[in-house]
Amino acid sequence: MVIARCLKKSRNLFGKFIEEYLFNCTEISLIIFLVDIRHSPTENDKLMYNYIISSKIPCLILANKADKIAITKVEDSVKALQKQLNPLGDIPTFAFSSERKIYQDEVWKIIENYI
């Protein structure tokens, strides 16, 4: 019980830190929001997404660990994540795999535009 309270307190402090950073840092040109392609967005993912959207900073959603699911399921998984997090579809959402270095070319082209 004590550990759970400490973890919740730490999460709240971390949330306040992230919120302050996003709203006060003037040098951020692009936020890259990582989510796990294998799972539906968690409540924490949704909360972070809302922070990001409210910051008005350009954003890119990366559905990471794309190498962990069948290639035939990648596109549908990305679409499902986009629909859950960003139903308007106004934020680009891409599959990504940092481990196997697949699905990266298009993402790097976008990132380079912000560097």
N, C-alpha and C. Protein backbone atom coordinates (compact mmCIF):
# COMPACT_ATOMS: atom_id res chain seq x y z
N MET A 1 0.82 -1.18 0.00
CA MET A 1 0.00 0.00 0.00
C MET A 1 0.87 1.26 0.00
N VAL A 2 1.92 1.26 0.80
CA VAL A 2 2.81 2.42 0.86
C VAL A 2 3.53 2.60 -0.47
N ILE A 3 3.96 1.48 -1.06
CA ILE A 3 4.65 1.54 -2.35
C ILE A 3 3.73 2.12 -3.42
N ALA A 4 2.49 1.69 -3.43
CA ALA A 4 1.52 2.19 -4.42
C ALA A 4 1.34 3.69 -4.29
N ARG A 5 1.25 4.20 -3.05
CA ARG A 5 1.12 5.63 -2.84
C ARG A 5 2.35 6.39 -3.32
N CYS A 6 3.54 5.82 -3.06
CA CYS A 6 4.79 6.45 -3.50
C CYS A 6 4.85 6.48 -5.03
N LEU A 7 4.46 5.38 -5.66
CA LEU A 7 4.47 5.34 -7.12
C LEU A 7 3.51 6.36 -7.70
N LYS A 8 2.33 6.48 -7.10
CA LYS A 8 1.35 7.45 -7.60
C LYS A 8 1.89 8.87 -7.43
N LYS A 9 2.52 9.13 -6.30
CA LYS A 9 3.10 10.46 -6.05
C LYS A 9 4.20 10.76 -7.08
N SER A 10 5.04 9.76 -7.36
CA SER A 10 6.11 9.93 -8.35
C SER A 10 5.53 10.20 -9.74
N ARG A 11 4.48 9.46 -10.09
CA ARG A 11 3.83 9.67 -11.38
C ARG A 11 3.27 11.08 -11.50
N ASN A 12 2.65 11.56 -10.43
CA ASN A 12 2.10 12.91 -10.44
C ASN A 12 3.20 13.96 -10.60
N LEU A 13 4.31 13.77 -9.90
CA LEU A 13 5.43 14.70 -10.02
C LEU A 13 6.01 14.66 -11.43
N PHE A 14 6.14 13.46 -11.98
CA PHE A 14 6.65 13.31 -13.34
C PHE A 14 5.71 13.99 -14.33
N GLY A 15 4.42 13.81 -14.14
CA GLY A 15 3.43 14.45 -15.01
C GLY A 15 3.54 15.96 -14.98
N LYS A 16 3.73 16.52 -13.79
CA LYS A 16 3.88 17.97 -13.65
C LYS A 16 5.16 18.44 -14.33
N PHE A 17 6.23 17.66 -14.18
CA PHE A 17 7.49 17.99 -14.83
C PHE A 17 7.33 18.02 -16.34
N ILE A 18 6.71 16.99 -16.92
CA ILE A 18 6.51 16.91 -18.37
C ILE A 18 5.65 18.07 -18.85
N GLU A 19 4.57 18.33 -18.13
CA GLU A 19 3.68 19.41 -18.52
C GLU A 19 4.43 20.75 -18.53
N GLU A 20 5.16 21.02 -17.48
CA GLU A 20 5.92 22.27 -17.40
C GLU A 20 6.95 22.35 -18.52
N TYR A 21 7.63 21.26 -18.77
CA TYR A 21 8.65 21.23 -19.82
C TYR A 21 8.03 21.51 -21.19
N LEU A 22 6.93 20.84 -21.50
CA LEU A 22 6.30 21.02 -22.81
C LEU A 22 5.79 22.45 -23.01
N PHE A 23 5.29 23.04 -21.96
CA PHE A 23 4.70 24.37 -22.10
C PHE A 23 5.71 25.51 -21.98
N ASN A 24 6.87 25.25 -21.40
CA ASN A 24 7.82 26.34 -21.17
C ASN A 24 9.09 26.27 -22.01
N CYS A 25 9.41 25.13 -22.56
CA CYS A 25 10.63 25.02 -23.36
C CYS A 25 10.36 25.55 -24.76
N THR A 26 11.13 26.53 -25.17
CA THR A 26 10.90 27.17 -26.47
C THR A 26 11.74 26.55 -27.58
N GLU A 27 12.58 25.59 -27.26
CA GLU A 27 13.47 25.01 -28.25
C GLU A 27 12.99 23.69 -28.82
N ILE A 28 11.81 23.23 -28.44
CA ILE A 28 11.28 21.98 -28.97
C ILE A 28 10.64 22.25 -30.32
N SER A 29 11.11 21.56 -31.36
CA SER A 29 10.53 21.78 -32.68
C SER A 29 9.61 20.63 -33.11
N LEU A 30 9.77 19.46 -32.50
CA LEU A 30 8.95 18.30 -32.84
C LEU A 30 8.91 17.35 -31.67
N ILE A 31 7.73 16.87 -31.35
CA ILE A 31 7.59 15.85 -30.31
C ILE A 31 7.37 14.52 -31.01
N ILE A 32 8.16 13.54 -30.63
CA ILE A 32 7.98 12.18 -31.16
C ILE A 32 7.39 11.35 -30.03
N PHE A 33 6.15 10.97 -30.22
CA PHE A 33 5.39 10.25 -29.20
C PHE A 33 5.43 8.76 -29.52
N LEU A 34 6.08 7.99 -28.67
CA LEU A 34 6.21 6.55 -28.87
C LEU A 34 5.11 5.79 -28.15
N VAL A 35 4.49 4.89 -28.89
CA VAL A 35 3.51 3.97 -28.30
C VAL A 35 3.84 2.56 -28.79
N ASP A 36 3.45 1.59 -28.02
CA ASP A 36 3.71 0.19 -28.36
C ASP A 36 2.65 -0.29 -29.35
N ILE A 37 3.07 -0.70 -30.53
CA ILE A 37 2.15 -1.12 -31.58
C ILE A 37 1.36 -2.38 -31.19
N ARG A 38 1.87 -3.13 -30.23
CA ARG A 38 1.25 -4.41 -29.86
C ARG A 38 0.03 -4.26 -28.95
N HIS A 39 -0.16 -3.06 -28.39
CA HIS A 39 -1.22 -2.87 -27.40
C HIS A 39 -2.04 -1.61 -27.70
N SER A 40 -3.25 -1.61 -27.20
CA SER A 40 -4.05 -0.39 -27.26
C SER A 40 -3.41 0.65 -26.35
N PRO A 41 -3.59 1.92 -26.66
CA PRO A 41 -3.00 2.96 -25.80
C PRO A 41 -3.52 2.85 -24.37
N THR A 42 -2.62 3.00 -23.42
CA THR A 42 -2.99 2.97 -22.01
C THR A 42 -3.58 4.32 -21.61
N GLU A 43 -4.11 4.40 -20.42
CA GLU A 43 -4.60 5.68 -19.91
C GLU A 43 -3.46 6.69 -19.83
N ASN A 44 -2.27 6.23 -19.45
CA ASN A 44 -1.10 7.13 -19.42
C ASN A 44 -0.73 7.61 -20.81
N ASP A 45 -0.83 6.73 -21.82
CA ASP A 45 -0.59 7.14 -23.20
C ASP A 45 -1.56 8.24 -23.61
N LYS A 46 -2.83 8.05 -23.27
CA LYS A 46 -3.85 9.03 -23.63
C LYS A 46 -3.63 10.36 -22.91
N LEU A 47 -3.23 10.27 -21.66
CA LEU A 47 -2.95 11.48 -20.90
C LEU A 47 -1.76 12.23 -21.52
N MET A 48 -0.71 11.51 -21.86
CA MET A 48 0.46 12.13 -22.48
C MET A 48 0.08 12.72 -23.83
N TYR A 49 -0.72 12.02 -24.59
CA TYR A 49 -1.17 12.53 -25.89
C TYR A 49 -1.89 13.87 -25.70
N ASN A 50 -2.75 13.95 -24.69
CA ASN A 50 -3.47 15.19 -24.43
C ASN A 50 -2.53 16.33 -24.05
N TYR A 51 -1.49 16.03 -23.26
CA TYR A 51 -0.47 17.03 -22.95
C TYR A 51 0.19 17.52 -24.23
N ILE A 52 0.55 16.58 -25.08
CA ILE A 52 1.24 16.92 -26.32
C ILE A 52 0.36 17.80 -27.20
N ILE A 53 -0.88 17.42 -27.37
CA ILE A 53 -1.80 18.18 -28.22
C ILE A 53 -2.00 19.59 -27.67
N SER A 54 -2.14 19.69 -26.36
CA SER A 54 -2.38 21.01 -25.77
C SER A 54 -1.14 21.90 -25.83
N SER A 55 0.03 21.32 -26.06
CA SER A 55 1.26 22.12 -26.15
C SER A 55 1.35 22.86 -27.49
N LYS A 56 0.59 22.43 -28.49
CA LYS A 56 0.59 23.05 -29.83
C LYS A 56 1.93 22.91 -30.55
N ILE A 57 2.76 21.98 -30.11
CA ILE A 57 4.04 21.70 -30.76
C ILE A 57 3.80 20.59 -31.80
N PRO A 58 4.39 20.70 -32.99
CA PRO A 58 4.23 19.63 -33.97
C PRO A 58 4.58 18.27 -33.38
N CYS A 59 3.84 17.26 -33.81
CA CYS A 59 3.98 15.93 -33.21
C CYS A 59 3.96 14.85 -34.28
N LEU A 60 4.60 13.77 -33.95
CA LEU A 60 4.65 12.58 -34.78
C LEU A 60 4.43 11.39 -33.86
N ILE A 61 3.52 10.49 -34.21
CA ILE A 61 3.28 9.31 -33.39
C ILE A 61 4.01 8.13 -34.02
N LEU A 62 4.87 7.48 -33.24
CA LEU A 62 5.56 6.30 -33.70
C LEU A 62 5.04 5.07 -32.97
N ALA A 63 4.51 4.14 -33.75
CA ALA A 63 4.06 2.86 -33.20
C ALA A 63 5.27 1.93 -33.19
N ASN A 64 5.95 1.93 -32.07
CA ASN A 64 7.21 1.21 -31.93
C ASN A 64 7.01 -0.29 -31.77
N LYS A 65 8.08 -1.03 -31.95
CA LYS A 65 8.12 -2.49 -31.84
C LYS A 65 7.34 -3.16 -32.98
N ALA A 66 7.35 -2.52 -34.14
CA ALA A 66 6.64 -3.07 -35.29
C ALA A 66 7.23 -4.41 -35.75
N ASP A 67 8.47 -4.66 -35.37
CA ASP A 67 9.09 -5.94 -35.73
C ASP A 67 8.55 -7.10 -34.89
N LYS A 68 7.79 -6.80 -33.84
CA LYS A 68 7.28 -7.82 -32.94
C LYS A 68 5.94 -8.40 -33.37
N ILE A 69 5.36 -7.83 -34.42
CA ILE A 69 4.09 -8.36 -34.93
C ILE A 69 4.27 -8.75 -36.40
N ALA A 70 3.34 -9.55 -36.91
CA ALA A 70 3.42 -9.99 -38.30
C ALA A 70 3.35 -8.79 -39.24
N ILE A 71 4.12 -8.84 -40.29
CA ILE A 71 4.16 -7.75 -41.27
C ILE A 71 2.77 -7.46 -41.81
N THR A 72 1.95 -8.50 -41.95
CA THR A 72 0.59 -8.32 -42.48
C THR A 72 -0.33 -7.58 -41.52
N LYS A 73 0.07 -7.45 -40.25
CA LYS A 73 -0.77 -6.78 -39.25
C LYS A 73 -0.31 -5.35 -38.94
N VAL A 74 0.84 -4.97 -39.45
CA VAL A 74 1.42 -3.67 -39.11
C VAL A 74 0.51 -2.51 -39.52
N GLU A 75 0.09 -2.48 -40.76
CA GLU A 75 -0.72 -1.36 -41.24
C GLU A 75 -2.04 -1.24 -40.47
N ASP A 76 -2.71 -2.36 -40.24
CA ASP A 76 -3.96 -2.33 -39.48
C ASP A 76 -3.74 -1.87 -38.04
N SER A 77 -2.62 -2.28 -37.44
CA SER A 77 -2.31 -1.87 -36.06
C SER A 77 -2.05 -0.37 -35.98
N VAL A 78 -1.36 0.17 -36.97
CA VAL A 78 -1.09 1.61 -37.00
C VAL A 78 -2.40 2.37 -37.15
N LYS A 79 -3.27 1.90 -38.04
CA LYS A 79 -4.56 2.56 -38.23
C LYS A 79 -5.40 2.51 -36.96
N ALA A 80 -5.37 1.38 -36.25
CA ALA A 80 -6.13 1.25 -35.01
C ALA A 80 -5.61 2.21 -33.94
N LEU A 81 -4.28 2.32 -33.82
CA LEU A 81 -3.70 3.26 -32.86
C LEU A 81 -4.07 4.69 -33.21
N GLN A 82 -3.99 5.01 -34.50
CA GLN A 82 -4.33 6.36 -34.94
C GLN A 82 -5.79 6.66 -34.59
N LYS A 83 -6.65 5.71 -34.85
CA LYS A 83 -8.08 5.92 -34.58
C LYS A 83 -8.34 6.13 -33.09
N GLN A 84 -7.61 5.40 -32.25
CA GLN A 84 -7.81 5.51 -30.80
C GLN A 84 -7.22 6.80 -30.23
N LEU A 85 -6.05 7.18 -30.69
CA LEU A 85 -5.38 8.36 -30.14
C LEU A 85 -5.76 9.63 -30.88
N ASN A 86 -5.84 9.56 -32.19
CA ASN A 86 -6.00 10.75 -33.01
C ASN A 86 -7.05 10.49 -34.10
N PRO A 87 -8.32 10.43 -33.70
CA PRO A 87 -9.37 10.10 -34.67
C PRO A 87 -9.48 11.10 -35.82
N LEU A 88 -9.04 12.33 -35.63
CA LEU A 88 -9.05 13.30 -36.72
C LEU A 88 -8.03 12.96 -37.80
N GLY A 89 -7.00 12.22 -37.41
CA GLY A 89 -5.97 11.83 -38.36
C GLY A 89 -5.06 12.96 -38.79
N ASP A 90 -5.01 14.02 -37.99
CA ASP A 90 -4.19 15.17 -38.36
C ASP A 90 -2.75 15.09 -37.85
N ILE A 91 -2.41 14.03 -37.15
CA ILE A 91 -1.04 13.82 -36.69
C ILE A 91 -0.52 12.56 -37.37
N PRO A 92 0.60 12.67 -38.08
CA PRO A 92 1.13 11.49 -38.76
C PRO A 92 1.47 10.37 -37.78
N THR A 93 1.09 9.16 -38.14
CA THR A 93 1.35 7.98 -37.31
C THR A 93 2.04 6.94 -38.17
N PHE A 94 3.17 6.45 -37.69
CA PHE A 94 3.97 5.51 -38.47
C PHE A 94 4.38 4.32 -37.63
N ALA A 95 4.52 3.18 -38.30
CA ALA A 95 5.14 2.01 -37.67
C ALA A 95 6.63 2.30 -37.56
N PHE A 96 7.26 1.67 -36.58
CA PHE A 96 8.68 1.91 -36.36
C PHE A 96 9.28 0.72 -35.64
N SER A 97 10.52 0.42 -35.96
CA SER A 97 11.27 -0.60 -35.23
C SER A 97 12.69 -0.12 -35.04
N SER A 98 13.03 0.20 -33.82
CA SER A 98 14.40 0.64 -33.56
C SER A 98 15.35 -0.56 -33.52
N GLU A 99 14.82 -1.71 -33.19
CA GLU A 99 15.67 -2.90 -33.07
C GLU A 99 16.11 -3.42 -34.43
N ARG A 100 15.16 -3.60 -35.35
CA ARG A 100 15.49 -4.17 -36.67
C ARG A 100 15.68 -3.10 -37.73
N LYS A 101 15.51 -1.85 -37.35
CA LYS A 101 15.73 -0.71 -38.25
C LYS A 101 14.85 -0.77 -39.50
N ILE A 102 13.59 -1.18 -39.30
CA ILE A 102 12.65 -1.19 -40.42
C ILE A 102 11.62 -0.09 -40.22
N TYR A 103 11.00 0.33 -41.30
CA TYR A 103 9.98 1.39 -41.31
C TYR A 103 10.56 2.76 -40.93
N GLN A 104 11.85 2.96 -41.10
CA GLN A 104 12.46 4.18 -40.61
C GLN A 104 12.65 5.29 -41.64
N ASP A 105 12.72 4.97 -42.90
CA ASP A 105 13.07 5.97 -43.92
C ASP A 105 12.14 7.17 -43.92
N GLU A 106 10.84 6.93 -43.98
CA GLU A 106 9.87 8.03 -44.02
C GLU A 106 9.92 8.86 -42.74
N VAL A 107 10.09 8.18 -41.62
CA VAL A 107 10.16 8.88 -40.33
C VAL A 107 11.37 9.81 -40.29
N TRP A 108 12.53 9.33 -40.73
CA TRP A 108 13.72 10.16 -40.72
C TRP A 108 13.58 11.37 -41.63
N LYS A 109 12.89 11.22 -42.76
CA LYS A 109 12.68 12.35 -43.66
C LYS A 109 11.90 13.44 -42.95
N ILE A 110 10.88 13.06 -42.18
CA ILE A 110 10.08 14.04 -41.45
C ILE A 110 10.91 14.70 -40.36
N ILE A 111 11.65 13.89 -39.61
CA ILE A 111 12.47 14.43 -38.52
C ILE A 111 13.49 15.43 -39.06
N GLU A 112 14.11 15.10 -40.18
CA GLU A 112 15.12 15.99 -40.76
C GLU A 112 14.55 17.36 -41.13
N ASN A 113 13.27 17.42 -41.42
CA ASN A 113 12.63 18.71 -41.73
C ASN A 113 12.57 19.63 -40.50
N TYR A 114 12.70 19.06 -39.31
CA TYR A 114 12.61 19.83 -38.07
C TYR A 114 13.97 20.11 -37.44
N ILE A 115 15.02 19.57 -38.02
CA ILE A 115 16.35 19.76 -37.46
C ILE A 115 16.96 21.04 -38.01
